[in-house]
N, C-alpha and C. Protein backbone atom coordinates (compact mmCIF):
# COMPACT_ATOMS: atom_id res chain seq x y z
N UNK A 1 223.54 -16.20 -39.82
CA UNK A 1 222.99 -16.50 -40.65
C UNK A 1 221.68 -15.87 -41.10
N UNK A 2 222.00 -14.52 -41.33
CA UNK A 2 220.63 -13.66 -41.94
C UNK A 2 219.99 -12.84 -40.69
N UNK A 3 218.71 -12.78 -40.43
CA UNK A 3 218.00 -12.39 -39.77
C UNK A 3 217.29 -13.52 -39.13
N UNK A 4 217.12 -14.71 -39.36
CA UNK A 4 216.28 -16.09 -38.96
C UNK A 4 215.18 -16.04 -39.79
N UNK A 5 214.83 -15.20 -40.65
CA UNK A 5 213.60 -15.47 -41.28
C UNK A 5 213.60 -15.60 -42.46
N UNK A 6 214.31 -15.90 -43.03
CA UNK A 6 214.60 -16.26 -44.79
C UNK A 6 215.57 -15.17 -45.04
N UNK A 7 216.42 -14.43 -43.89
CA UNK A 7 217.22 -13.04 -44.77
C UNK A 7 218.23 -13.71 -45.22
N UNK A 8 219.28 -12.57 -45.75
CA UNK A 8 220.53 -12.92 -46.27
C UNK A 8 221.54 -12.66 -45.53
N UNK A 9 222.67 -13.16 -45.99
CA UNK A 9 223.84 -13.32 -44.82
C UNK A 9 224.97 -12.76 -46.35
N UNK A 10 225.80 -11.46 -45.59
CA UNK A 10 227.21 -11.00 -46.37
C UNK A 10 228.08 -11.26 -45.87
N UNK A 11 228.49 -11.89 -44.41
CA UNK A 11 229.57 -11.92 -43.40
C UNK A 11 229.80 -13.42 -43.42
N UNK A 12 231.05 -14.29 -43.36
CA UNK A 12 231.60 -15.31 -42.87
C UNK A 12 230.70 -15.68 -41.56
N UNK A 13 229.37 -16.56 -41.85
CA UNK A 13 228.98 -17.51 -40.67
C UNK A 13 229.06 -18.77 -40.43
N UNK A 14 228.62 -19.52 -39.58
CA UNK A 14 228.66 -20.87 -40.09
C UNK A 14 227.16 -20.95 -39.64
N UNK A 15 226.75 -22.59 -40.01
CA UNK A 15 225.44 -23.38 -39.44
C UNK A 15 225.70 -24.14 -38.33
N UNK A 16 224.50 -23.91 -37.46
CA UNK A 16 224.10 -24.47 -36.57
C UNK A 16 223.87 -26.44 -36.58
N UNK A 17 224.88 -26.80 -36.54
CA UNK A 17 225.03 -27.84 -36.87
C UNK A 17 224.03 -29.00 -35.81
N UNK A 18 223.23 -28.64 -34.77
CA UNK A 18 222.37 -28.99 -34.16
C UNK A 18 220.79 -28.90 -34.45
N UNK A 19 220.75 -28.49 -35.43
CA UNK A 19 219.68 -28.12 -36.75
C UNK A 19 219.40 -29.22 -37.85
N UNK A 20 218.16 -29.12 -38.31
CA UNK A 20 218.30 -30.51 -39.16
C UNK A 20 218.17 -29.39 -40.74
N UNK A 21 218.57 -29.89 -41.34
CA UNK A 21 218.92 -28.95 -42.49
C UNK A 21 218.67 -29.74 -43.86
N UNK A 22 218.00 -29.07 -45.17
CA UNK A 22 217.95 -29.72 -46.35
C UNK A 22 219.13 -28.10 -47.34
N UNK A 23 220.06 -29.27 -48.10
CA UNK A 23 220.83 -27.99 -49.00
C UNK A 23 219.76 -28.05 -50.67
N UNK A 24 219.48 -27.33 -50.54
CA UNK A 24 218.95 -26.84 -52.18
C UNK A 24 220.08 -27.03 -52.77
N UNK A 25 220.15 -27.26 -54.27
CA UNK A 25 221.09 -27.00 -55.26
C UNK A 25 220.78 -26.83 -56.61
N UNK A 26 220.43 -25.51 -57.34
CA UNK A 26 220.00 -25.38 -58.56
C UNK A 26 220.86 -25.49 -59.66
N UNK A 27 220.58 -25.82 -60.70
CA UNK A 27 221.15 -25.90 -61.65
C UNK A 27 220.55 -25.03 -62.87
N UNK A 28 221.30 -23.49 -63.05
CA UNK A 28 220.29 -22.64 -63.65
C UNK A 28 221.09 -23.05 -65.00
N UNK A 29 220.53 -23.48 -66.33
CA UNK A 29 220.60 -23.51 -67.51
C UNK A 29 219.81 -22.05 -68.36
N UNK A 30 220.80 -21.66 -68.93
CA UNK A 30 220.72 -20.52 -69.84
C UNK A 30 221.83 -20.56 -71.41
N UNK A 31 221.11 -19.90 -71.95
CA UNK A 31 221.43 -19.13 -73.81
C UNK A 31 222.12 -18.30 -73.24
N UNK A 32 223.56 -17.89 -73.67
CA UNK A 32 224.39 -16.75 -74.45
C UNK A 32 223.31 -16.66 -76.26
N UNK A 33 223.01 -15.49 -76.15
CA UNK A 33 222.35 -15.15 -77.34
C UNK A 33 223.32 -14.00 -78.47
N UNK A 34 223.59 -14.32 -79.63
CA UNK A 34 223.84 -13.71 -80.50
C UNK A 34 223.63 -13.51 -82.23
N UNK A 35 222.91 -12.16 -82.30
CA UNK A 35 222.64 -12.13 -83.68
C UNK A 35 223.29 -12.01 -84.97
N UNK A 36 223.65 -12.45 -86.16
CA UNK A 36 224.53 -12.29 -86.99
C UNK A 36 224.15 -11.45 -88.11
N UNK A 37 225.05 -10.37 -88.49
CA UNK A 37 224.60 -8.89 -88.89
C UNK A 37 225.44 -8.90 -90.13
N UNK A 38 224.85 -8.66 -91.29
CA UNK A 38 225.28 -8.52 -92.28
C UNK A 38 225.19 -7.04 -93.30
N UNK A 39 226.18 -6.26 -93.99
CA UNK A 39 226.30 -5.37 -94.23
C UNK A 39 224.39 -5.15 -95.58
N UNK A 40 224.45 -5.88 -96.26
CA UNK A 40 223.45 -5.00 -97.51
C UNK A 40 222.32 -5.65 -96.34
N UNK A 41 221.65 -6.37 -95.48
CA UNK A 41 220.57 -6.82 -94.99
C UNK A 41 220.77 -5.78 -93.05
N UNK A 42 221.44 -5.17 -93.01
CA UNK A 42 221.74 -4.72 -91.82
C UNK A 42 220.52 -3.76 -91.39
N UNK A 43 219.93 -3.17 -91.83
CA UNK A 43 218.42 -2.17 -91.36
C UNK A 43 217.65 -3.10 -91.18
N UNK A 44 217.26 -4.28 -91.75
CA UNK A 44 216.03 -5.10 -91.55
C UNK A 44 216.71 -5.93 -90.40
N UNK A 45 217.84 -6.40 -90.52
CA UNK A 45 218.30 -7.36 -89.19
C UNK A 45 218.34 -6.70 -87.90
N UNK A 46 218.86 -5.01 -87.93
CA UNK A 46 218.48 -4.28 -86.82
C UNK A 46 217.25 -4.19 -86.33
N UNK A 47 216.21 -3.67 -87.58
CA UNK A 47 214.56 -4.35 -86.89
C UNK A 47 214.14 -5.18 -86.32
N UNK A 48 214.57 -6.26 -86.89
CA UNK A 48 214.15 -7.67 -86.22
C UNK A 48 214.83 -7.74 -84.84
N UNK A 49 216.19 -7.44 -84.88
CA UNK A 49 216.67 -7.38 -83.61
C UNK A 49 215.83 -7.19 -82.31
N UNK A 50 215.01 -5.27 -82.67
CA UNK A 50 214.81 -4.80 -81.67
C UNK A 50 213.26 -5.64 -81.45
N UNK A 51 212.87 -5.88 -82.47
CA UNK A 51 211.30 -6.76 -81.97
C UNK A 51 211.48 -7.88 -81.27
N UNK A 52 212.90 -8.66 -81.36
CA UNK A 52 212.57 -9.83 -80.21
C UNK A 52 213.34 -9.63 -78.83
N UNK A 53 214.21 -8.55 -78.94
CA UNK A 53 214.95 -8.17 -77.56
C UNK A 53 214.75 -7.05 -77.04
N UNK A 54 213.52 -7.46 -75.91
CA UNK A 54 213.00 -5.89 -75.31
C UNK A 54 213.80 -4.83 -75.11
N UNK A 55 215.12 -5.35 -74.60
CA UNK A 55 215.50 -4.01 -74.07
C UNK A 55 215.93 -3.38 -74.92
N UNK A 56 216.31 -3.55 -76.86
CA UNK A 56 216.72 -2.78 -77.75
C UNK A 56 215.03 -1.82 -77.97
N UNK A 57 213.91 -2.24 -77.70
CA UNK A 57 213.02 -1.58 -78.01
C UNK A 57 212.75 -0.05 -77.39
N UNK A 58 213.69 0.10 -76.49
CA UNK A 58 213.90 1.39 -75.85
C UNK A 58 214.97 2.08 -76.44
N UNK A 59 215.77 1.47 -76.96
CA UNK A 59 216.82 2.27 -77.45
C UNK A 59 216.66 2.82 -78.82
N UNK A 60 217.36 3.67 -79.34
CA UNK A 60 217.60 4.26 -80.46
C UNK A 60 218.24 3.21 -81.23
N UNK A 61 218.05 3.55 -82.87
CA UNK A 61 218.62 2.01 -83.34
C UNK A 61 220.14 2.86 -83.78
N UNK A 62 220.43 4.05 -83.88
CA UNK A 62 222.13 3.86 -84.00
C UNK A 62 223.07 3.07 -82.56
N UNK A 63 222.16 3.23 -81.29
CA UNK A 63 222.76 2.76 -80.05
C UNK A 63 222.65 1.28 -80.16
N UNK A 64 221.62 0.43 -80.45
CA UNK A 64 221.37 -0.93 -80.80
C UNK A 64 222.44 -0.70 -82.33
N UNK A 65 222.47 -0.62 -83.26
CA UNK A 65 223.98 -0.66 -84.11
C UNK A 65 225.37 -0.36 -83.67
N UNK A 66 225.40 0.65 -82.52
CA UNK A 66 226.58 0.76 -82.22
C UNK A 66 227.28 -0.68 -81.31
N UNK A 67 226.50 -1.39 -80.66
CA UNK A 67 226.94 -2.58 -80.50
C UNK A 67 227.55 -3.82 -81.01
N UNK A 68 227.26 -3.64 -82.43
CA UNK A 68 227.48 -4.35 -83.46
C UNK A 68 229.27 -4.65 -83.18
N UNK A 69 229.42 -5.94 -83.14
CA UNK A 69 231.21 -6.16 -83.11
C UNK A 69 231.38 -6.90 -83.97
N UNK A 70 232.06 -6.82 -85.33
CA UNK A 70 232.60 -8.04 -86.13
C UNK A 70 231.45 -8.81 -86.64
N UNK A 71 230.29 -8.04 -86.99
CA UNK A 71 229.32 -8.43 -87.60
C UNK A 71 228.29 -9.36 -86.74
N UNK A 72 228.83 -9.11 -85.55
CA UNK A 72 227.72 -9.97 -84.45
C UNK A 72 227.10 -8.61 -83.14
N UNK A 73 225.66 -9.19 -82.74
CA UNK A 73 225.38 -8.40 -82.19
C UNK A 73 224.53 -9.30 -80.81
N UNK A 74 225.84 -8.86 -79.64
CA UNK A 74 225.24 -9.82 -78.35
C UNK A 74 223.62 -9.49 -77.80
N UNK A 75 223.16 -10.27 -77.29
CA UNK A 75 221.79 -10.20 -77.25
C UNK A 75 221.60 -10.14 -75.65
N UNK A 76 222.40 -10.92 -75.10
CA UNK A 76 222.19 -11.51 -73.69
C UNK A 76 222.23 -12.70 -73.88
N UNK A 77 221.87 -13.01 -72.22
CA UNK A 77 222.32 -14.63 -71.60
C UNK A 77 220.37 -14.70 -71.25
N UNK A 78 219.62 -15.43 -71.45
CA UNK A 78 218.44 -15.73 -71.47
C UNK A 78 218.29 -17.25 -71.10
N UNK A 79 217.07 -17.39 -70.45
CA UNK A 79 216.56 -18.83 -69.93
C UNK A 79 216.46 -19.97 -71.60
N UNK A 80 216.00 -20.81 -71.07
CA UNK A 80 216.04 -21.69 -72.68
C UNK A 80 214.69 -21.54 -73.14
N UNK A 81 213.54 -21.51 -72.01
CA UNK A 81 212.21 -21.43 -72.31
C UNK A 81 212.17 -19.86 -73.44
N UNK A 82 213.17 -18.75 -72.73
CA UNK A 82 213.00 -17.44 -73.77
C UNK A 82 214.16 -17.37 -75.17
N UNK A 83 215.00 -18.38 -74.67
CA UNK A 83 215.72 -18.89 -76.39
C UNK A 83 214.57 -19.33 -77.33
N UNK A 84 214.39 -19.65 -77.12
CA UNK A 84 213.15 -21.43 -77.84
C UNK A 84 211.92 -19.73 -78.49
N UNK A 85 211.71 -19.25 -77.93
CA UNK A 85 210.87 -17.91 -78.22
C UNK A 85 211.43 -17.16 -78.95
N UNK A 86 212.31 -16.92 -78.52
CA UNK A 86 213.59 -15.58 -79.44
C UNK A 86 213.81 -16.30 -80.73
N UNK A 87 214.17 -17.79 -81.04
CA UNK A 87 214.68 -17.80 -82.10
C UNK A 87 213.19 -18.61 -83.30
N UNK A 88 212.07 -19.05 -82.70
CA UNK A 88 211.17 -19.00 -83.56
C UNK A 88 210.81 -17.82 -83.57
N UNK A 89 211.03 -16.47 -83.28
CA UNK A 89 210.51 -14.87 -84.21
C UNK A 89 211.60 -15.01 -84.55
N UNK A 90 212.52 -14.97 -84.66
CA UNK A 90 214.13 -14.50 -85.19
C UNK A 90 213.71 -15.10 -86.68
N UNK A 91 213.22 -16.61 -86.64
CA UNK A 91 213.31 -17.18 -87.94
C UNK A 91 212.18 -16.92 -88.83
N UNK A 92 211.14 -16.06 -88.05
CA UNK A 92 209.68 -15.86 -88.75
C UNK A 92 210.46 -14.33 -89.46
N UNK A 93 211.40 -13.86 -89.17
CA UNK A 93 211.75 -12.43 -89.34
C UNK A 93 213.27 -12.31 -90.24
N UNK A 94 213.52 -13.81 -90.06
CA UNK A 94 214.83 -13.45 -90.79
C UNK A 94 216.30 -12.99 -90.93
N UNK A 95 216.10 -13.07 -89.28
CA UNK A 95 217.85 -12.88 -88.45
C UNK A 95 217.64 -14.33 -87.94
N UNK A 96 219.42 -14.67 -88.09
CA UNK A 96 219.90 -15.54 -87.81
C UNK A 96 220.52 -15.27 -86.44
N UNK A 97 220.51 -16.23 -85.48
CA UNK A 97 220.78 -16.76 -83.85
C UNK A 97 221.80 -17.36 -83.31
N UNK A 98 222.50 -17.44 -83.07
CA UNK A 98 223.48 -17.95 -82.56
C UNK A 98 223.54 -18.03 -80.81
N UNK A 99 223.20 -19.14 -80.53
CA UNK A 99 223.53 -20.06 -79.35
C UNK A 99 224.46 -20.87 -78.82
N UNK A 100 225.04 -20.17 -77.41
CA UNK A 100 225.99 -20.91 -76.49
C UNK A 100 225.43 -21.22 -75.39
N UNK A 101 225.51 -22.31 -75.05
CA UNK A 101 224.88 -22.82 -73.39
C UNK A 101 225.69 -22.53 -72.05
N UNK A 102 225.07 -22.01 -71.53
CA UNK A 102 226.15 -21.59 -70.19
C UNK A 102 224.90 -22.31 -69.11
N UNK A 103 225.53 -22.34 -67.85
CA UNK A 103 224.93 -23.03 -66.52
C UNK A 103 225.81 -22.58 -65.33
N UNK A 104 224.95 -22.30 -64.16
CA UNK A 104 225.58 -22.31 -63.07
C UNK A 104 225.12 -22.90 -62.39
N UNK A 105 225.77 -22.72 -61.08
CA UNK A 105 225.32 -23.76 -59.69
C UNK A 105 224.65 -22.91 -58.49
N UNK A 106 223.83 -22.98 -57.98
CA UNK A 106 223.96 -21.82 -57.10
C UNK A 106 223.29 -23.16 -55.45
N UNK A 107 223.31 -22.62 -54.03
CA UNK A 107 222.72 -23.34 -53.53
C UNK A 107 221.60 -22.33 -52.57
N UNK A 108 221.08 -22.80 -51.98
CA UNK A 108 220.24 -22.54 -50.66
C UNK A 108 220.23 -23.40 -49.67
N UNK A 109 220.51 -23.18 -48.41
CA UNK A 109 220.42 -23.99 -47.45
C UNK A 109 218.97 -23.67 -46.72
N UNK A 110 218.49 -24.76 -46.24
CA UNK A 110 217.25 -24.40 -45.72
C UNK A 110 217.37 -25.34 -44.01
N UNK A 111 216.83 -24.32 -43.17
CA UNK A 111 216.97 -24.35 -42.01
C UNK A 111 215.43 -25.42 -40.84
N UNK A 112 215.17 -26.61 -41.52
CA UNK A 112 214.26 -27.55 -41.38
C UNK A 112 213.52 -26.64 -40.01
N UNK A 113 214.72 -26.72 -39.13
CA UNK A 113 214.35 -26.97 -37.82
C UNK A 113 213.84 -25.12 -37.19
N UNK A 114 214.43 -24.45 -37.61
CA UNK A 114 213.53 -23.11 -37.69
C UNK A 114 212.88 -22.41 -38.52
N UNK A 115 212.69 -23.14 -40.04
CA UNK A 115 211.84 -22.61 -40.71
C UNK A 115 212.10 -21.61 -41.36
N UNK A 116 213.90 -21.71 -42.08
CA UNK A 116 213.77 -20.26 -42.32
C UNK A 116 214.94 -20.79 -43.84
N UNK A 117 214.96 -20.19 -44.95
CA UNK A 117 215.80 -20.12 -45.70
C UNK A 117 217.01 -19.55 -45.46
N UNK A 118 218.72 -19.92 -45.64
CA UNK A 118 219.56 -18.79 -45.56
C UNK A 118 220.27 -18.44 -47.11
N UNK A 119 219.58 -17.04 -47.29
CA UNK A 119 219.84 -16.69 -48.55
C UNK A 119 221.76 -16.13 -48.19
N UNK A 120 222.46 -16.85 -48.65
CA UNK A 120 224.40 -16.11 -48.98
C UNK A 120 223.99 -15.15 -50.13
N UNK A 121 224.87 -14.03 -49.46
CA UNK A 121 225.07 -13.42 -50.90
C UNK A 121 226.34 -13.18 -51.26
N UNK A 122 227.49 -13.60 -50.92
CA UNK A 122 228.64 -14.40 -51.33
C UNK A 122 228.85 -15.44 -51.88
N UNK A 123 228.96 -15.50 -53.40
CA UNK A 123 229.18 -16.84 -53.99
C UNK A 123 230.17 -17.47 -53.54
N UNK A 124 231.87 -16.90 -53.00
CA UNK A 124 232.57 -17.73 -52.35
C UNK A 124 231.93 -18.41 -50.73
N UNK A 125 231.37 -17.63 -50.14
CA UNK A 125 230.81 -18.20 -48.60
C UNK A 125 229.59 -19.10 -48.93
N UNK A 126 229.03 -19.06 -50.52
CA UNK A 126 227.86 -20.35 -50.37
C UNK A 126 228.72 -20.90 -50.70
N UNK A 127 229.47 -21.03 -51.42
CA UNK A 127 230.04 -22.33 -52.14
C UNK A 127 231.02 -23.35 -50.63
N UNK A 128 231.80 -22.13 -49.79
CA UNK A 128 231.94 -22.95 -48.59
C UNK A 128 230.96 -23.59 -47.86
N UNK A 129 229.75 -22.80 -47.60
CA UNK A 129 228.68 -23.29 -46.62
C UNK A 129 228.36 -24.79 -47.36
N UNK A 130 228.18 -24.58 -48.90
CA UNK A 130 227.82 -25.89 -49.35
C UNK A 130 228.23 -27.12 -49.42
N UNK A 131 229.94 -26.88 -48.90
CA UNK A 131 230.62 -27.82 -48.72
C UNK A 131 230.83 -28.67 -47.50
N UNK A 132 230.50 -27.92 -46.76
CA UNK A 132 230.57 -28.17 -45.93
C UNK A 132 229.69 -28.81 -45.50
N UNK A 133 228.43 -28.66 -46.05
CA UNK A 133 227.25 -29.45 -45.42
C UNK A 133 226.88 -30.39 -46.08
N UNK A 134 227.73 -30.58 -47.34
CA UNK A 134 227.41 -32.04 -48.01
C UNK A 134 228.25 -32.52 -47.39
N UNK A 135 229.94 -32.48 -47.09
CA UNK A 135 230.66 -33.31 -46.17
C UNK A 135 230.67 -33.55 -45.10
N UNK A 136 229.40 -33.13 -44.42
CA UNK A 136 228.79 -33.29 -42.92
C UNK A 136 227.23 -34.64 -43.34
N UNK A 137 226.92 -34.60 -44.76
CA UNK A 137 225.71 -35.61 -44.87
C UNK A 137 224.73 -34.86 -45.11
N UNK A 138 224.45 -33.17 -45.13
CA UNK A 138 223.72 -32.93 -45.15
C UNK A 138 222.74 -33.61 -46.40
N UNK A 139 221.27 -33.56 -46.43
CA UNK A 139 220.70 -33.78 -47.93
C UNK A 139 220.41 -32.82 -48.45
N UNK A 140 221.02 -33.14 -49.88
CA UNK A 140 220.66 -32.50 -50.90
C UNK A 140 219.26 -32.59 -52.38
N UNK A 141 218.82 -31.18 -52.47
CA UNK A 141 217.89 -31.92 -53.22
C UNK A 141 218.42 -30.81 -54.38
N UNK A 142 218.08 -31.42 -55.89
CA UNK A 142 218.83 -30.84 -56.89
C UNK A 142 217.87 -30.71 -57.92
N UNK A 143 217.75 -29.42 -58.23
CA UNK A 143 216.83 -28.88 -59.37
C UNK A 143 217.30 -28.20 -60.23
N UNK A 144 216.73 -28.46 -61.47
CA UNK A 144 216.89 -28.08 -62.85
C UNK A 144 215.93 -26.87 -63.03
N UNK A 145 217.00 -25.44 -63.52
CA UNK A 145 216.29 -24.03 -63.38
C UNK A 145 216.29 -23.96 -64.86
N UNK A 146 215.35 -22.92 -65.29
CA UNK A 146 215.01 -22.85 -66.58
C UNK A 146 214.91 -21.52 -66.52
């Protein structure tokens, strides 16, 4: 179980069923953002994309242009809070954005007896342990993460 002090684990381990556990379940809501680019307005659109997406600010305009595929420039995956900020700024700059909602679920077992969290690096192992804990009746605390 890692180092017992909130460390991480990357090998198959099991959990001490004699301890008191709580399983934290985090629902991560994210948005995949793409900018729509068209020929006649490409230069101002590229400038706008560089203003709203920090990763593009350090890139040369030609490097950003190379990322355009079929008139679409992928901006990345961001939190919903960041999406609203980007959307407002894009609107003021005349840049059209498209959004696709995505979500992931992660688990963090907390050993109340030892006073430590168990970070599990492997997603497959994390899911296996989480299913075992839920099947054994370990309390689950669900949180929405933005």
